[in-house]
Each structure stands twice: as C-alpha cells, then as structure tokens.
Amino acid sequence: RKPHIRYKNNLKAIVNSLEDELIVIDRDYRIIQAN
C-alpha cells in the first residue's frame, strides 16, 4: 500500500500547489473535493 499512499499524497500536494481553484462536483451538484 505504500506506493499507493505515496501517490495519493503526491497528487494531493500537486493539487494544493495550484493557485487556481479546483473543486470536484458530483451529479447532484454537491462539492465533494476542494483544493
């Protein structure tokens, strides 16, 4: 699981490094993730 955890942490760090806003929205138009 370590490679998966490292990948997840790296992806989170990349997303949070963005100056632009990034959100993920489901089919009900609810926000499920945000940087």
PDB file of all heavy atoms in Angstrom:
ATOM      1  N   ARG A   1       0.813  -1.215   0.000  1.00  0.00           N
ATOM      2  CA  ARG A   1       0.000   0.000   0.000  1.00  0.00           C
ATOM      3  C   ARG A   1       0.846   1.265   0.000  1.00  0.00           C
ATOM      4  O   ARG A   1       0.341   2.339  -0.300  1.00  0.00           O
ATOM      5  CB  ARG A   1      -0.927   0.016   1.216  1.00  0.00           C
ATOM      6  CG  ARG A   1      -2.036  -1.028   1.167  1.00  0.00           C
ATOM      7  CD  ARG A   1      -2.968  -0.888   2.340  1.00  0.00           C
ATOM      8  NE  ARG A   1      -3.618   0.411   2.351  1.00  0.00           N
ATOM      9  CZ  ARG A   1      -4.427   0.821   3.331  1.00  0.00           C
ATOM     10  NH1 ARG A   1      -4.654   0.052   4.375  1.00  0.00           N
ATOM     11  NH2 ARG A   1      -4.990   2.019   3.277  1.00  0.00           N
ATOM     12  N   LYS A   2       2.104   1.135   0.336  1.00  0.00           N
ATOM     13  CA  LYS A   2       2.957   2.314   0.432  1.00  0.00           C
ATOM     14  C   LYS A   2       3.031   3.107  -0.868  1.00  0.00           C
ATOM     15  O   LYS A   2       2.917   4.332  -0.856  1.00  0.00           O
ATOM     16  CB  LYS A   2       4.352   1.911   0.899  1.00  0.00           C
ATOM     17  CG  LYS A   2       4.427   1.647   2.398  1.00  0.00           C
ATOM     18  CD  LYS A   2       5.849   1.351   2.840  1.00  0.00           C
ATOM     19  CE  LYS A   2       5.905   1.135   4.352  1.00  0.00           C
ATOM     20  NZ  LYS A   2       7.287   0.845   4.806  1.00  0.00           N
ATOM     21  N   PRO A   3       3.245   2.446  -2.031  1.00  0.00           N
ATOM     22  CA  PRO A   3       3.267   3.222  -3.290  1.00  0.00           C
ATOM     23  C   PRO A   3       1.965   3.959  -3.538  1.00  0.00           C
ATOM     24  O   PRO A   3       1.968   5.100  -4.010  1.00  0.00           O
ATOM     25  CB  PRO A   3       3.515   2.147  -4.346  1.00  0.00           C
ATOM     26  CG  PRO A   3       4.183   1.037  -3.618  1.00  0.00           C
ATOM     27  CD  PRO A   3       3.574   1.033  -2.255  1.00  0.00           C
ATOM     28  N   HIS A   4       0.831   3.312  -3.192  1.00  0.00           N
ATOM     29  CA  HIS A   4      -0.475   3.947  -3.385  1.00  0.00           C
ATOM     30  C   HIS A   4      -0.616   5.165  -2.485  1.00  0.00           C
ATOM     31  O   HIS A   4      -1.110   6.222  -2.909  1.00  0.00           O
ATOM     32  CB  HIS A   4      -1.586   2.947  -3.085  1.00  0.00           C
ATOM     33  CG  HIS A   4      -2.966   3.549  -3.105  1.00  0.00           C
ATOM     34  ND1 HIS A   4      -3.591   3.930  -4.264  1.00  0.00           N
ATOM     35  CD2 HIS A   4      -3.819   3.863  -2.090  1.00  0.00           C
ATOM     36  CE1 HIS A   4      -4.775   4.440  -3.977  1.00  0.00           C
ATOM     37  NE2 HIS A   4      -4.942   4.413  -2.673  1.00  0.00           N
ATOM     38  N   ILE A   5      -0.151   5.038  -1.228  1.00  0.00           N
ATOM     39  CA  ILE A   5      -0.244   6.154  -0.286  1.00  0.00           C
ATOM     40  C   ILE A   5       0.652   7.305  -0.734  1.00  0.00           C
ATOM     41  O   ILE A   5       0.264   8.473  -0.679  1.00  0.00           O
ATOM     42  CB  ILE A   5       0.144   5.680   1.129  1.00  0.00           C
ATOM     43  CG1 ILE A   5      -0.885   4.669   1.648  1.00  0.00           C
ATOM     44  CG2 ILE A   5       0.240   6.875   2.077  1.00  0.00           C
ATOM     45  CD1 ILE A   5      -0.513   4.041   2.968  1.00  0.00           C
ATOM     46  N   ARG A   6       1.862   6.955  -1.206  1.00  0.00           N
ATOM     47  CA  ARG A   6       2.777   7.993  -1.688  1.00  0.00           C
ATOM     48  C   ARG A   6       2.186   8.711  -2.900  1.00  0.00           C
ATOM     49  O   ARG A   6       2.267   9.934  -3.014  1.00  0.00           O
ATOM     50  CB  ARG A   6       4.132   7.376  -2.053  1.00  0.00           C
ATOM     51  CG  ARG A   6       4.999   7.057  -0.850  1.00  0.00           C
ATOM     52  CD  ARG A   6       6.439   6.841  -1.263  1.00  0.00           C
ATOM     53  NE  ARG A   6       6.565   5.705  -2.152  1.00  0.00           N
ATOM     54  CZ  ARG A   6       6.812   4.462  -1.736  1.00  0.00           C
ATOM     55  NH1 ARG A   6       6.956   4.206  -0.452  1.00  0.00           N
ATOM     56  NH2 ARG A   6       6.931   3.486  -2.602  1.00  0.00           N
ATOM     57  N   TYR A   7       1.583   7.933  -3.799  1.00  0.00           N
ATOM     58  CA  TYR A   7       0.960   8.524  -4.987  1.00  0.00           C
ATOM     59  C   TYR A   7      -0.179   9.459  -4.591  1.00  0.00           C
ATOM     60  O   TYR A   7      -0.294  10.573  -5.117  1.00  0.00           O
ATOM     61  CB  TYR A   7       0.428   7.412  -5.893  1.00  0.00           C
ATOM     62  CG  TYR A   7      -0.403   7.906  -7.054  1.00  0.00           C
ATOM     63  CD1 TYR A   7       0.199   8.436  -8.191  1.00  0.00           C
ATOM     64  CD2 TYR A   7      -1.795   7.852  -7.004  1.00  0.00           C
ATOM     65  CE1 TYR A   7      -0.563   8.899  -9.254  1.00  0.00           C
ATOM     66  CE2 TYR A   7      -2.561   8.318  -8.056  1.00  0.00           C
ATOM     67  CZ  TYR A   7      -1.937   8.836  -9.178  1.00  0.00           C
ATOM     68  OH  TYR A   7      -2.694   9.298 -10.223  1.00  0.00           O
ATOM     69  N   LYS A   8      -0.995   9.017  -3.633  1.00  0.00           N
ATOM     70  CA  LYS A   8      -2.126   9.828  -3.179  1.00  0.00           C
ATOM     71  C   LYS A   8      -1.644  11.121  -2.537  1.00  0.00           C
ATOM     72  O   LYS A   8      -2.192  12.204  -2.788  1.00  0.00           O
ATOM     73  CB  LYS A   8      -2.968   9.018  -2.198  1.00  0.00           C
ATOM     74  CG  LYS A   8      -4.238   9.723  -1.739  1.00  0.00           C
ATOM     75  CD  LYS A   8      -5.055   8.820  -0.827  1.00  0.00           C
ATOM     76  CE  LYS A   8      -6.327   9.532  -0.370  1.00  0.00           C
ATOM     77  NZ  LYS A   8      -7.135   8.660   0.531  1.00  0.00           N
ATOM     78  N   ASN A   9      -0.597  11.016  -1.708  1.00  0.00           N
ATOM     79  CA  ASN A   9      -0.058  12.205  -1.043  1.00  0.00           C
ATOM     80  C   ASN A   9       0.573  13.165  -2.041  1.00  0.00           C
ATOM     81  O   ASN A   9       0.434  14.390  -1.919  1.00  0.00           O
ATOM     82  CB  ASN A   9       0.963  11.796   0.008  1.00  0.00           C
ATOM     83  CG  ASN A   9       0.329  11.107   1.212  1.00  0.00           C
ATOM     84  OD1 ASN A   9      -0.862  11.275   1.478  1.00  0.00           O
ATOM     85  ND2 ASN A   9       1.111  10.314   1.919  1.00  0.00           N
ATOM     86  N   ASN A  10       1.282  12.612  -3.033  1.00  0.00           N
ATOM     87  CA  ASN A  10       1.901  13.454  -4.063  1.00  0.00           C
ATOM     88  C   ASN A  10       0.839  14.166  -4.891  1.00  0.00           C
ATOM     89  O   ASN A  10       0.984  15.351  -5.218  1.00  0.00           O
ATOM     90  CB  ASN A  10       2.788  12.614  -4.978  1.00  0.00           C
ATOM     91  CG  ASN A  10       4.048  12.143  -4.287  1.00  0.00           C
ATOM     92  OD1 ASN A  10       4.461  12.718  -3.288  1.00  0.00           O
ATOM     93  ND2 ASN A  10       4.654  11.087  -4.809  1.00  0.00           N
ATOM     94  N   LEU A  11      -0.229  13.440  -5.224  1.00  0.00           N
ATOM     95  CA  LEU A  11      -1.318  14.038  -6.010  1.00  0.00           C
ATOM     96  C   LEU A  11      -1.985  15.155  -5.217  1.00  0.00           C
ATOM     97  O   LEU A  11      -2.282  16.227  -5.771  1.00  0.00           O
ATOM     98  CB  LEU A  11      -2.341  12.966  -6.379  1.00  0.00           C
ATOM     99  CG  LEU A  11      -3.531  13.416  -7.233  1.00  0.00           C
ATOM    100  CD1 LEU A  11      -3.042  13.978  -8.571  1.00  0.00           C
ATOM    101  CD2 LEU A  11      -4.498  12.264  -7.472  1.00  0.00           C
ATOM    102  N   LYS A  12      -2.186  14.940  -3.930  1.00  0.00           N
ATOM    103  CA  LYS A  12      -2.803  15.957  -3.076  1.00  0.00           C
ATOM    104  C   LYS A  12      -1.922  17.194  -2.995  1.00  0.00           C
ATOM    105  O   LYS A  12      -2.404  18.332  -3.050  1.00  0.00           O
ATOM    106  CB  LYS A  12      -3.044  15.378  -1.681  1.00  0.00           C
ATOM    107  CG  LYS A  12      -3.753  16.327  -0.734  1.00  0.00           C
ATOM    108  CD  LYS A  12      -3.997  15.654   0.607  1.00  0.00           C
ATOM    109  CE  LYS A  12      -4.710  16.609   1.564  1.00  0.00           C
ATOM    110  NZ  LYS A  12      -4.953  15.962   2.882  1.00  0.00           N
ATOM    111  N   ALA A  13      -0.601  16.972  -2.884  1.00  0.00           N
ATOM    112  CA  ALA A  13       0.334  18.095  -2.810  1.00  0.00           C
ATOM    113  C   ALA A  13       0.334  18.900  -4.099  1.00  0.00           C
ATOM    114  O   ALA A  13       0.396  20.130  -4.083  1.00  0.00           O
ATOM    115  CB  ALA A  13       1.742  17.572  -2.518  1.00  0.00           C
ATOM    116  N   ILE A  14       0.254  18.201  -5.239  1.00  0.00           N
ATOM    117  CA  ILE A  14       0.220  18.880  -6.539  1.00  0.00           C
ATOM    118  C   ILE A  14      -1.039  19.728  -6.671  1.00  0.00           C
ATOM    119  O   ILE A  14      -0.989  20.892  -7.085  1.00  0.00           O
ATOM    120  CB  ILE A  14       0.299  17.850  -7.685  1.00  0.00           C
ATOM    121  CG1 ILE A  14       1.683  17.189  -7.705  1.00  0.00           C
ATOM    122  CG2 ILE A  14       0.012  18.511  -9.030  1.00  0.00           C
ATOM    123  CD1 ILE A  14       1.788  16.019  -8.659  1.00  0.00           C
ATOM    124  N   VAL A  15      -2.177  19.153  -6.312  1.00  0.00           N
ATOM    125  CA  VAL A  15      -3.462  19.865  -6.416  1.00  0.00           C
ATOM    126  C   VAL A  15      -3.472  21.093  -5.517  1.00  0.00           C
ATOM    127  O   VAL A  15      -3.941  22.167  -5.899  1.00  0.00           O
ATOM    128  CB  VAL A  15      -4.628  18.915  -6.065  1.00  0.00           C
ATOM    129  CG1 VAL A  15      -5.927  19.702  -5.902  1.00  0.00           C
ATOM    130  CG2 VAL A  15      -4.796  17.855  -7.143  1.00  0.00           C
ATOM    131  N   ASN A  16      -2.923  20.958  -4.307  1.00  0.00           N
ATOM    132  CA  ASN A  16      -2.922  22.080  -3.372  1.00  0.00           C
ATOM    133  C   ASN A  16      -1.868  23.130  -3.705  1.00  0.00           C
ATOM    134  O   ASN A  16      -1.893  24.228  -3.157  1.00  0.00           O
ATOM    135  CB  ASN A  16      -2.709  21.570  -1.944  1.00  0.00           C
ATOM    136  CG  ASN A  16      -3.952  20.933  -1.369  1.00  0.00           C
ATOM    137  OD1 ASN A  16      -5.071  21.309  -1.713  1.00  0.00           O
ATOM    138  ND2 ASN A  16      -3.766  19.953  -0.504  1.00  0.00           N
ATOM    139  N   SER A  17      -0.937  22.793  -4.599  1.00  0.00           N
ATOM    140  CA  SER A  17       0.074  23.768  -5.006  1.00  0.00           C
ATOM    141  C   SER A  17      -0.457  24.747  -6.049  1.00  0.00           C
ATOM    142  O   SER A  17       0.163  25.771  -6.319  1.00  0.00           O
ATOM    143  CB  SER A  17       1.305  23.048  -5.567  1.00  0.00           C
ATOM    144  OG  SER A  17       1.017  22.458  -6.831  1.00  0.00           O
ATOM    145  N   LEU A  18      -1.616  24.426  -6.633  1.00  0.00           N
ATOM    146  CA  LEU A  18      -2.193  25.276  -7.669  1.00  0.00           C
ATOM    147  C   LEU A  18      -2.690  26.597  -7.075  1.00  0.00           C
ATOM    148  O   LEU A  18      -3.313  26.614  -6.015  1.00  0.00           O
ATOM    149  CB  LEU A  18      -3.365  24.568  -8.359  1.00  0.00           C
ATOM    150  CG  LEU A  18      -3.053  23.263  -9.103  1.00  0.00           C
ATOM    151  CD1 LEU A  18      -4.344  22.627  -9.602  1.00  0.00           C
ATOM    152  CD2 LEU A  18      -2.110  23.526 -10.271  1.00  0.00           C
ATOM    153  N   GLU A  19      -2.440  27.688  -7.788  1.00  0.00           N
ATOM    154  CA  GLU A  19      -3.007  28.977  -7.386  1.00  0.00           C
ATOM    155  C   GLU A  19      -4.459  29.081  -7.818  1.00  0.00           C
ATOM    156  O   GLU A  19      -5.232  29.845  -7.239  1.00  0.00           O
ATOM    157  CB  GLU A  19      -2.199  30.117  -7.995  1.00  0.00           C
ATOM    158  CG  GLU A  19      -0.800  30.261  -7.409  1.00  0.00           C
ATOM    159  CD  GLU A  19      -0.090  31.481  -7.940  1.00  0.00           C
ATOM    160  OE1 GLU A  19      -0.695  32.220  -8.745  1.00  0.00           O
ATOM    161  OE2 GLU A  19       1.072  31.703  -7.552  1.00  0.00           O
ATOM    162  N   ASP A  20      -4.829  28.335  -8.846  1.00  0.00           N
ATOM    163  CA  ASP A  20      -6.205  28.326  -9.326  1.00  0.00           C
ATOM    164  C   ASP A  20      -7.064  27.437  -8.424  1.00  0.00           C
ATOM    165  O   ASP A  20      -6.576  26.458  -7.852  1.00  0.00           O
ATOM    166  CB  ASP A  20      -6.279  27.807 -10.765  1.00  0.00           C
ATOM    167  CG  ASP A  20      -5.524  28.695 -11.731  1.00  0.00           C
ATOM    168  OD1 ASP A  20      -5.392  29.900 -11.446  1.00  0.00           O
ATOM    169  OD2 ASP A  20      -5.062  28.189 -12.766  1.00  0.00           O
ATOM    170  N   GLU A  21      -8.332  27.792  -8.343  1.00  0.00           N
ATOM    171  CA  GLU A  21      -9.257  26.983  -7.553  1.00  0.00           C
ATOM    172  C   GLU A  21      -9.617  25.707  -8.312  1.00  0.00           C
ATOM    173  O   GLU A  21      -9.866  25.734  -9.519  1.00  0.00           O
ATOM    174  CB  GLU A  21     -10.540  27.765  -7.283  1.00  0.00           C
ATOM    175  CG  GLU A  21     -10.330  29.051  -6.516  1.00  0.00           C
ATOM    176  CD  GLU A  21     -11.575  29.909  -6.526  1.00  0.00           C
ATOM    177  OE1 GLU A  21     -12.670  29.377  -6.286  1.00  0.00           O
ATOM    178  OE2 GLU A  21     -11.450  31.113  -6.794  1.00  0.00           O
ATOM    179  N   LEU A  22      -9.646  24.598  -7.596  1.00  0.00           N
ATOM    180  CA  LEU A  22     -10.032  23.318  -8.179  1.00  0.00           C
ATOM    181  C   LEU A  22     -11.020  22.626  -7.252  1.00  0.00           C
ATOM    182  O   LEU A  22     -10.719  22.393  -6.081  1.00  0.00           O
ATOM    183  CB  LEU A  22      -8.807  22.422  -8.392  1.00  0.00           C
ATOM    184  CG  LEU A  22      -9.092  21.041  -9.005  1.00  0.00           C
ATOM    185  CD1 LEU A  22      -9.609  21.197 -10.435  1.00  0.00           C
ATOM    186  CD2 LEU A  22      -7.845  20.173  -8.997  1.00  0.00           C
ATOM    187  N   ILE A  23     -12.207  22.346  -7.775  1.00  0.00           N
ATOM    188  CA  ILE A  23     -13.205  21.617  -6.999  1.00  0.00           C
ATOM    189  C   ILE A  23     -13.741  20.461  -7.832  1.00  0.00           C
ATOM    190  O   ILE A  23     -13.690  20.496  -9.065  1.00  0.00           O
ATOM    191  CB  ILE A  23     -14.370  22.528  -6.537  1.00  0.00           C
ATOM    192  CG1 ILE A  23     -15.093  23.148  -7.748  1.00  0.00           C
ATOM    193  CG2 ILE A  23     -13.884  23.607  -5.592  1.00  0.00           C
ATOM    194  CD1 ILE A  23     -16.319  23.966  -7.354  1.00  0.00           C
ATOM    195  N   VAL A  24     -14.239  19.445  -7.133  1.00  0.00           N
ATOM    196  CA  VAL A  24     -14.847  18.283  -7.783  1.00  0.00           C
ATOM    197  C   VAL A  24     -16.301  18.227  -7.355  1.00  0.00           C
ATOM    198  O   VAL A  24     -16.612  18.342  -6.156  1.00  0.00           O
ATOM    199  CB  VAL A  24     -14.121  16.978  -7.400  1.00  0.00           C
ATOM    200  CG1 VAL A  24     -14.747  15.792  -8.139  1.00  0.00           C
ATOM    201  CG2 VAL A  24     -12.631  17.075  -7.729  1.00  0.00           C
ATOM    202  N   ILE A  25     -17.192  18.052  -8.324  1.00  0.00           N
ATOM    203  CA  ILE A  25     -18.631  18.137  -8.072  1.00  0.00           C
ATOM    204  C   ILE A  25     -19.319  16.866  -8.568  1.00  0.00           C
ATOM    205  O   ILE A  25     -19.005  16.371  -9.663  1.00  0.00           O
ATOM    206  CB  ILE A  25     -19.226  19.375  -8.774  1.00  0.00           C
ATOM    207  CG1 ILE A  25     -18.499  20.633  -8.283  1.00  0.00           C
ATOM    208  CG2 ILE A  25     -20.720  19.491  -8.521  1.00  0.00           C
ATOM    209  CD1 ILE A  25     -18.797  21.865  -9.090  1.00  0.00           C
ATOM    210  N   ASP A  26     -20.250  16.345  -7.771  1.00  0.00           N
ATOM    211  CA  ASP A  26     -20.944  15.123  -8.167  1.00  0.00           C
ATOM    212  C   ASP A  26     -22.194  15.433  -8.985  1.00  0.00           C
ATOM    213  O   ASP A  26     -22.482  16.604  -9.284  1.00  0.00           O
ATOM    214  CB  ASP A  26     -21.279  14.253  -6.951  1.00  0.00           C
ATOM    215  CG  ASP A  26     -22.292  14.905  -6.007  1.00  0.00           C
ATOM    216  OD1 ASP A  26     -22.938  15.900  -6.399  1.00  0.00           O
ATOM    217  OD2 ASP A  26     -22.434  14.421  -4.874  1.00  0.00           O
ATOM    218  N   ARG A  27     -22.942  14.391  -9.321  1.00  0.00           N
ATOM    219  CA  ARG A  27     -24.107  14.560 -10.191  1.00  0.00           C
ATOM    220  C   ARG A  27     -25.222  15.367  -9.532  1.00  0.00           C
ATOM    221  O   ARG A  27     -26.082  15.924 -10.211  1.00  0.00           O
ATOM    222  CB  ARG A  27     -24.642  13.183 -10.620  1.00  0.00           C
ATOM    223  CG  ARG A  27     -25.715  13.243 -11.688  1.00  0.00           C
ATOM    224  CD  ARG A  27     -26.045  11.873 -12.229  1.00  0.00           C
ATOM    225  NE  ARG A  27     -25.011  11.389 -13.115  1.00  0.00           N
ATOM    226  CZ  ARG A  27     -24.932  11.707 -14.411  1.00  0.00           C
ATOM    227  NH1 ARG A  27     -25.817  12.541 -14.935  1.00  0.00           N
ATOM    228  NH2 ARG A  27     -23.984  11.203 -15.162  1.00  0.00           N
ATOM    229  N   ASP A  28     -25.210  15.443  -8.219  1.00  0.00           N
ATOM    230  CA  ASP A  28     -26.223  16.229  -7.502  1.00  0.00           C
ATOM    231  C   ASP A  28     -25.786  17.684  -7.328  1.00  0.00           C
ATOM    232  O   ASP A  28     -26.414  18.430  -6.579  1.00  0.00           O
ATOM    233  CB  ASP A  28     -26.491  15.613  -6.127  1.00  0.00           C
ATOM    234  CG  ASP A  28     -27.140  14.235  -6.236  1.00  0.00           C
ATOM    235  OD1 ASP A  28     -27.943  14.032  -7.161  1.00  0.00           O
ATOM    236  OD2 ASP A  28     -26.815  13.366  -5.400  1.00  0.00           O
ATOM    237  N   TYR A  29     -24.663  18.035  -7.976  1.00  0.00           N
ATOM    238  CA  TYR A  29     -24.116  19.395  -7.926  1.00  0.00           C
ATOM    239  C   TYR A  29     -23.615  19.764  -6.531  1.00  0.00           C
ATOM    240  O   TYR A  29     -23.617  20.922  -6.144  1.00  0.00           O
ATOM    241  CB  TYR A  29     -25.148  20.418  -8.418  1.00  0.00           C
ATOM    242  CG  TYR A  29     -25.523  20.216  -9.854  1.00  0.00           C
ATOM    243  CD1 TYR A  29     -26.611  19.415 -10.209  1.00  0.00           C
ATOM    244  CD2 TYR A  29     -24.780  20.787 -10.892  1.00  0.00           C
ATOM    245  CE1 TYR A  29     -26.947  19.203 -11.541  1.00  0.00           C
ATOM    246  CE2 TYR A  29     -25.105  20.581 -12.221  1.00  0.00           C
ATOM    247  CZ  TYR A  29     -26.189  19.790 -12.544  1.00  0.00           C
ATOM    248  OH  TYR A  29     -26.519  19.568 -13.855  1.00  0.00           O
ATOM    249  N   ARG A  30     -23.182  18.746  -5.794  1.00  0.00           N
ATOM    250  CA  ARG A  30     -22.568  18.974  -4.495  1.00  0.00           C
ATOM    251  C   ARG A  30     -21.048  18.869  -4.613  1.00  0.00           C
ATOM    252  O   ARG A  30     -20.535  18.026  -5.345  1.00  0.00           O
ATOM    253  CB  ARG A  30     -23.071  17.962  -3.457  1.00  0.00           C
ATOM    254  CG  ARG A  30     -24.539  18.152  -3.082  1.00  0.00           C
ATOM    255  CD  ARG A  30     -24.944  17.159  -1.997  1.00  0.00           C
ATOM    256  NE  ARG A  30     -26.352  17.281  -1.630  1.00  0.00           N
ATOM    257  CZ  ARG A  30     -26.837  18.106  -0.713  1.00  0.00           C
ATOM    258  NH1 ARG A  30     -26.006  18.893  -0.045  1.00  0.00           N
ATOM    259  NH2 ARG A  30     -28.128  18.141  -0.445  1.00  0.00           N
ATOM    260  N   ILE A  31     -20.344  19.711  -3.885  1.00  0.00           N
ATOM    261  CA  ILE A  31     -18.884  19.700  -3.909  1.00  0.00           C
ATOM    262  C   ILE A  31     -18.379  18.537  -3.053  1.00  0.00           C
ATOM    263  O   ILE A  31     -18.746  18.414  -1.892  1.00  0.00           O
ATOM    264  CB  ILE A  31     -18.323  21.028  -3.368  1.00  0.00           C
ATOM    265  CG1 ILE A  31     -18.807  22.195  -4.246  1.00  0.00           C
ATOM    266  CG2 ILE A  31     -16.799  20.995  -3.315  1.00  0.00           C
ATOM    267  CD1 ILE A  31     -18.467  23.557  -3.695  1.00  0.00           C
ATOM    268  N   ILE A  32     -17.531  17.683  -3.654  1.00  0.00           N
ATOM    269  CA  ILE A  32     -17.021  16.528  -2.922  1.00  0.00           C
ATOM    270  C   ILE A  32     -15.517  16.638  -2.644  1.00  0.00           C
ATOM    271  O   ILE A  32     -14.992  15.913  -1.809  1.00  0.00           O
ATOM    272  CB  ILE A  32     -17.330  15.203  -3.662  1.00  0.00           C
ATOM    273  CG1 ILE A  32     -16.761  15.226  -5.081  1.00  0.00           C
ATOM    274  CG2 ILE A  32     -18.830  14.957  -3.702  1.00  0.00           C
ATOM    275  CD1 ILE A  32     -16.974  13.926  -5.854  1.00  0.00           C
ATOM    276  N   GLN A  33     -14.833  17.551  -3.338  1.00  0.00           N
ATOM    277  CA  GLN A  33     -13.420  17.810  -3.068  1.00  0.00           C
ATOM    278  C   GLN A  33     -13.118  19.263  -3.413  1.00  0.00           C
ATOM    279  O   GLN A  33     -13.754  19.846  -4.286  1.00  0.00           O
ATOM    280  CB  GLN A  33     -12.505  16.890  -3.892  1.00  0.00           C
ATOM    281  CG  GLN A  33     -12.499  15.440  -3.450  1.00  0.00           C
ATOM    282  CD  GLN A  33     -11.882  15.225  -2.092  1.00  0.00           C
ATOM    283  OE1 GLN A  33     -11.147  16.085  -1.600  1.00  0.00           O
ATOM    284  NE2 GLN A  33     -12.185  14.096  -1.457  1.00  0.00           N
ATOM    285  N   ALA A  34     -12.136  19.830  -2.728  1.00  0.00           N
ATOM    286  CA  ALA A  34     -11.730  21.219  -2.995  1.00  0.00           C
ATOM    287  C   ALA A  34     -10.272  21.377  -2.585  1.00  0.00           C
ATOM    288  O   ALA A  34      -9.850  20.839  -1.563  1.00  0.00           O
ATOM    289  CB  ALA A  34     -12.606  22.199  -2.234  1.00  0.00           C
ATOM    290  N   ASN A  35      -9.501  22.112  -3.388  1.00  0.00           N
ATOM    291  CA  ASN A  35      -8.097  22.327  -3.023  1.00  0.00           C
ATOM    292  C   ASN A  35      -7.962  23.523  -2.077  1.00  0.00           C
ATOM    293  O   ASN A  35      -8.930  24.222  -1.780  1.00  0.00           O
ATOM    294  CB  ASN A  35      -7.219  22.472  -4.270  1.00  0.00           C
ATOM    295  CG  ASN A  35      -7.477  23.781  -5.015  1.00  0.00           C
ATOM    296  OD1 ASN A  35      -8.467  24.481  -4.766  1.00  0.00           O
ATOM    297  ND2 ASN A  35      -6.600  24.117  -5.934  1.00  0.00           N
TER     298      ASN A  35
END
